[in-house]
Amino acid sequence: MRENTERSITIEKGTNILGGDQGASIWLAARNVMKIGGKKGSIPDLRDGKAANKIMKIISS
Protein backbone atom coordinates (compact mmCIF):
# COMPACT_ATOMS: atom_id res chain seq x y z
CA MET A 1 0.00 0.00 0.00
CA ARG A 2 2.66 2.44 -1.10
CA GLU A 3 3.53 4.59 -4.09
CA ASN A 4 7.29 4.08 -3.76
CA THR A 5 9.83 1.68 -2.30
CA GLU A 6 13.39 1.83 -1.06
CA ARG A 7 13.90 -1.70 -2.43
CA SER A 8 13.47 -1.20 -6.16
CA ILE A 9 15.25 -4.51 -6.85
CA THR A 10 12.06 -6.32 -5.77
CA ILE A 11 10.11 -4.44 -8.43
CA GLU A 12 12.77 -5.13 -11.07
CA LYS A 13 12.86 -8.86 -10.27
CA GLY A 14 9.07 -9.13 -10.28
CA THR A 15 8.61 -10.19 -6.65
CA ASN A 16 6.81 -7.01 -5.64
CA ILE A 17 4.47 -4.41 -7.10
CA LEU A 18 3.53 -0.92 -6.04
CA GLY A 19 -0.22 -0.64 -5.73
CA GLY A 20 -0.38 2.94 -4.60
CA ASP A 21 -2.04 4.19 -1.45
CA GLN A 22 -5.57 4.80 -2.70
CA GLY A 23 -8.34 2.22 -2.51
CA ALA A 24 -9.00 2.03 -6.25
CA SER A 25 -5.34 1.62 -7.22
CA ILE A 26 -4.78 -1.02 -4.51
CA TRP A 27 -7.83 -2.94 -5.70
CA LEU A 28 -6.70 -2.75 -9.34
CA ALA A 29 -3.17 -3.93 -8.50
CA ALA A 30 -4.51 -6.85 -6.43
CA ARG A 31 -6.97 -7.81 -9.17
CA ASN A 32 -4.23 -7.78 -11.80
CA VAL A 33 -1.99 -10.05 -9.70
CA MET A 34 -4.86 -12.48 -9.07
CA LYS A 35 -5.74 -12.45 -12.76
CA ILE A 36 -2.27 -13.77 -13.68
CA GLY A 37 -2.24 -16.33 -10.86
CA GLY A 38 0.16 -14.58 -8.50
CA LYS A 39 3.64 -13.13 -8.72
CA LYS A 40 6.33 -15.20 -10.39
CA GLY A 41 9.45 -13.16 -9.81
CA SER A 42 13.00 -14.23 -9.18
CA ILE A 43 15.14 -13.96 -6.08
CA PRO A 44 17.50 -10.98 -6.25
CA ASP A 45 21.21 -11.83 -6.37
CA LEU A 46 22.78 -12.40 -2.95
CA ARG A 47 19.36 -12.85 -1.32
CA ASP A 48 19.15 -16.61 -1.20
CA GLY A 49 18.14 -16.93 2.46
CA LYS A 50 21.46 -18.51 3.41
CA ALA A 51 23.26 -15.50 4.90
CA ALA A 52 23.53 -16.95 8.42
CA ASN A 53 25.15 -20.16 7.16
CA LYS A 54 27.61 -18.21 5.03
CA ILE A 55 28.52 -15.93 7.93
CA MET A 56 29.04 -18.86 10.32
CA LYS A 57 31.24 -20.61 7.76
CA ILE A 58 33.43 -17.50 7.47
CA ILE A 59 33.59 -16.96 11.25
CA SER A 60 34.43 -20.58 12.01
CA SER A 61 37.18 -20.86 9.39
C-alpha atoms as a PDB file:
ATOM      1  CA  MET A   1       0.000   0.000   0.000  1.00  0.00           C
ATOM      2  CA  ARG A   2       2.660   2.439  -1.098  1.00  0.00           C
ATOM      3  CA  GLU A   3       3.528   4.588  -4.085  1.00  0.00           C
ATOM      4  CA  ASN A   4       7.293   4.076  -3.759  1.00  0.00           C
ATOM      5  CA  THR A   5       9.834   1.679  -2.298  1.00  0.00           C
ATOM      6  CA  GLU A   6      13.394   1.830  -1.062  1.00  0.00           C
ATOM      7  CA  ARG A   7      13.898  -1.698  -2.427  1.00  0.00           C
ATOM      8  CA  SER A   8      13.465  -1.200  -6.161  1.00  0.00           C
ATOM      9  CA  ILE A   9      15.248  -4.508  -6.852  1.00  0.00           C
ATOM     10  CA  THR A  10      12.063  -6.317  -5.767  1.00  0.00           C
ATOM     11  CA  ILE A  11      10.109  -4.437  -8.426  1.00  0.00           C
ATOM     12  CA  GLU A  12      12.768  -5.126 -11.070  1.00  0.00           C
ATOM     13  CA  LYS A  13      12.855  -8.862 -10.267  1.00  0.00           C
ATOM     14  CA  GLY A  14       9.069  -9.131 -10.275  1.00  0.00           C
ATOM     15  CA  THR A  15       8.611 -10.190  -6.654  1.00  0.00           C
ATOM     16  CA  ASN A  16       6.805  -7.015  -5.641  1.00  0.00           C
ATOM     17  CA  ILE A  17       4.472  -4.412  -7.096  1.00  0.00           C
ATOM     18  CA  LEU A  18       3.528  -0.918  -6.039  1.00  0.00           C
ATOM     19  CA  GLY A  19      -0.217  -0.640  -5.727  1.00  0.00           C
ATOM     20  CA  GLY A  20      -0.381   2.945  -4.600  1.00  0.00           C
ATOM     21  CA  ASP A  21      -2.041   4.193  -1.449  1.00  0.00           C
ATOM     22  CA  GLN A  22      -5.571   4.795  -2.701  1.00  0.00           C
ATOM     23  CA  GLY A  23      -8.339   2.218  -2.509  1.00  0.00           C
ATOM     24  CA  ALA A  24      -9.002   2.030  -6.251  1.00  0.00           C
ATOM     25  CA  SER A  25      -5.339   1.622  -7.218  1.00  0.00           C
ATOM     26  CA  ILE A  26      -4.776  -1.020  -4.515  1.00  0.00           C
ATOM     27  CA  TRP A  27      -7.830  -2.938  -5.699  1.00  0.00           C
ATOM     28  CA  LEU A  28      -6.701  -2.748  -9.337  1.00  0.00           C
ATOM     29  CA  ALA A  29      -3.169  -3.932  -8.497  1.00  0.00           C
ATOM     30  CA  ALA A  30      -4.513  -6.846  -6.431  1.00  0.00           C
ATOM     31  CA  ARG A  31      -6.973  -7.814  -9.168  1.00  0.00           C
ATOM     32  CA  ASN A  32      -4.229  -7.783 -11.802  1.00  0.00           C
ATOM     33  CA  VAL A  33      -1.986 -10.049  -9.705  1.00  0.00           C
ATOM     34  CA  MET A  34      -4.857 -12.477  -9.065  1.00  0.00           C
ATOM     35  CA  LYS A  35      -5.741 -12.455 -12.763  1.00  0.00           C
ATOM     36  CA  ILE A  36      -2.267 -13.766 -13.679  1.00  0.00           C
ATOM     37  CA  GLY A  37      -2.240 -16.333 -10.864  1.00  0.00           C
ATOM     38  CA  GLY A  38       0.164 -14.577  -8.499  1.00  0.00           C
ATOM     39  CA  LYS A  39       3.640 -13.131  -8.715  1.00  0.00           C
ATOM     40  CA  LYS A  40       6.332 -15.202 -10.389  1.00  0.00           C
ATOM     41  CA  GLY A  41       9.447 -13.160  -9.805  1.00  0.00           C
ATOM     42  CA  SER A  42      13.003 -14.229  -9.184  1.00  0.00           C
ATOM     43  CA  ILE A  43      15.144 -13.965  -6.080  1.00  0.00           C
ATOM     44  CA  PRO A  44      17.505 -10.977  -6.245  1.00  0.00           C
ATOM     45  CA  ASP A  45      21.208 -11.827  -6.367  1.00  0.00           C
ATOM     46  CA  LEU A  46      22.785 -12.400  -2.952  1.00  0.00           C
ATOM     47  CA  ARG A  47      19.361 -12.850  -1.322  1.00  0.00           C
ATOM     48  CA  ASP A  48      19.152 -16.608  -1.201  1.00  0.00           C
ATOM     49  CA  GLY A  49      18.137 -16.931   2.464  1.00  0.00           C
ATOM     50  CA  LYS A  50      21.458 -18.510   3.412  1.00  0.00           C
ATOM     51  CA  ALA A  51      23.258 -15.495   4.900  1.00  0.00           C
ATOM     52  CA  ALA A  52      23.528 -16.949   8.424  1.00  0.00           C
ATOM     53  CA  ASN A  53      25.152 -20.158   7.164  1.00  0.00           C
ATOM     54  CA  LYS A  54      27.614 -18.210   5.026  1.00  0.00           C
ATOM     55  CA  ILE A  55      28.520 -15.926   7.934  1.00  0.00           C
ATOM     56  CA  MET A  56      29.035 -18.863  10.317  1.00  0.00           C
ATOM     57  CA  LYS A  57      31.238 -20.606   7.757  1.00  0.00           C
ATOM     58  CA  ILE A  58      33.431 -17.498   7.472  1.00  0.00           C
ATOM     59  CA  ILE A  59      33.593 -16.961  11.248  1.00  0.00           C
ATOM     60  CA  SER A  60      34.430 -20.579  12.008  1.00  0.00           C
ATOM     61  CA  SER A  61      37.177 -20.861   9.385  1.00  0.00           C
END
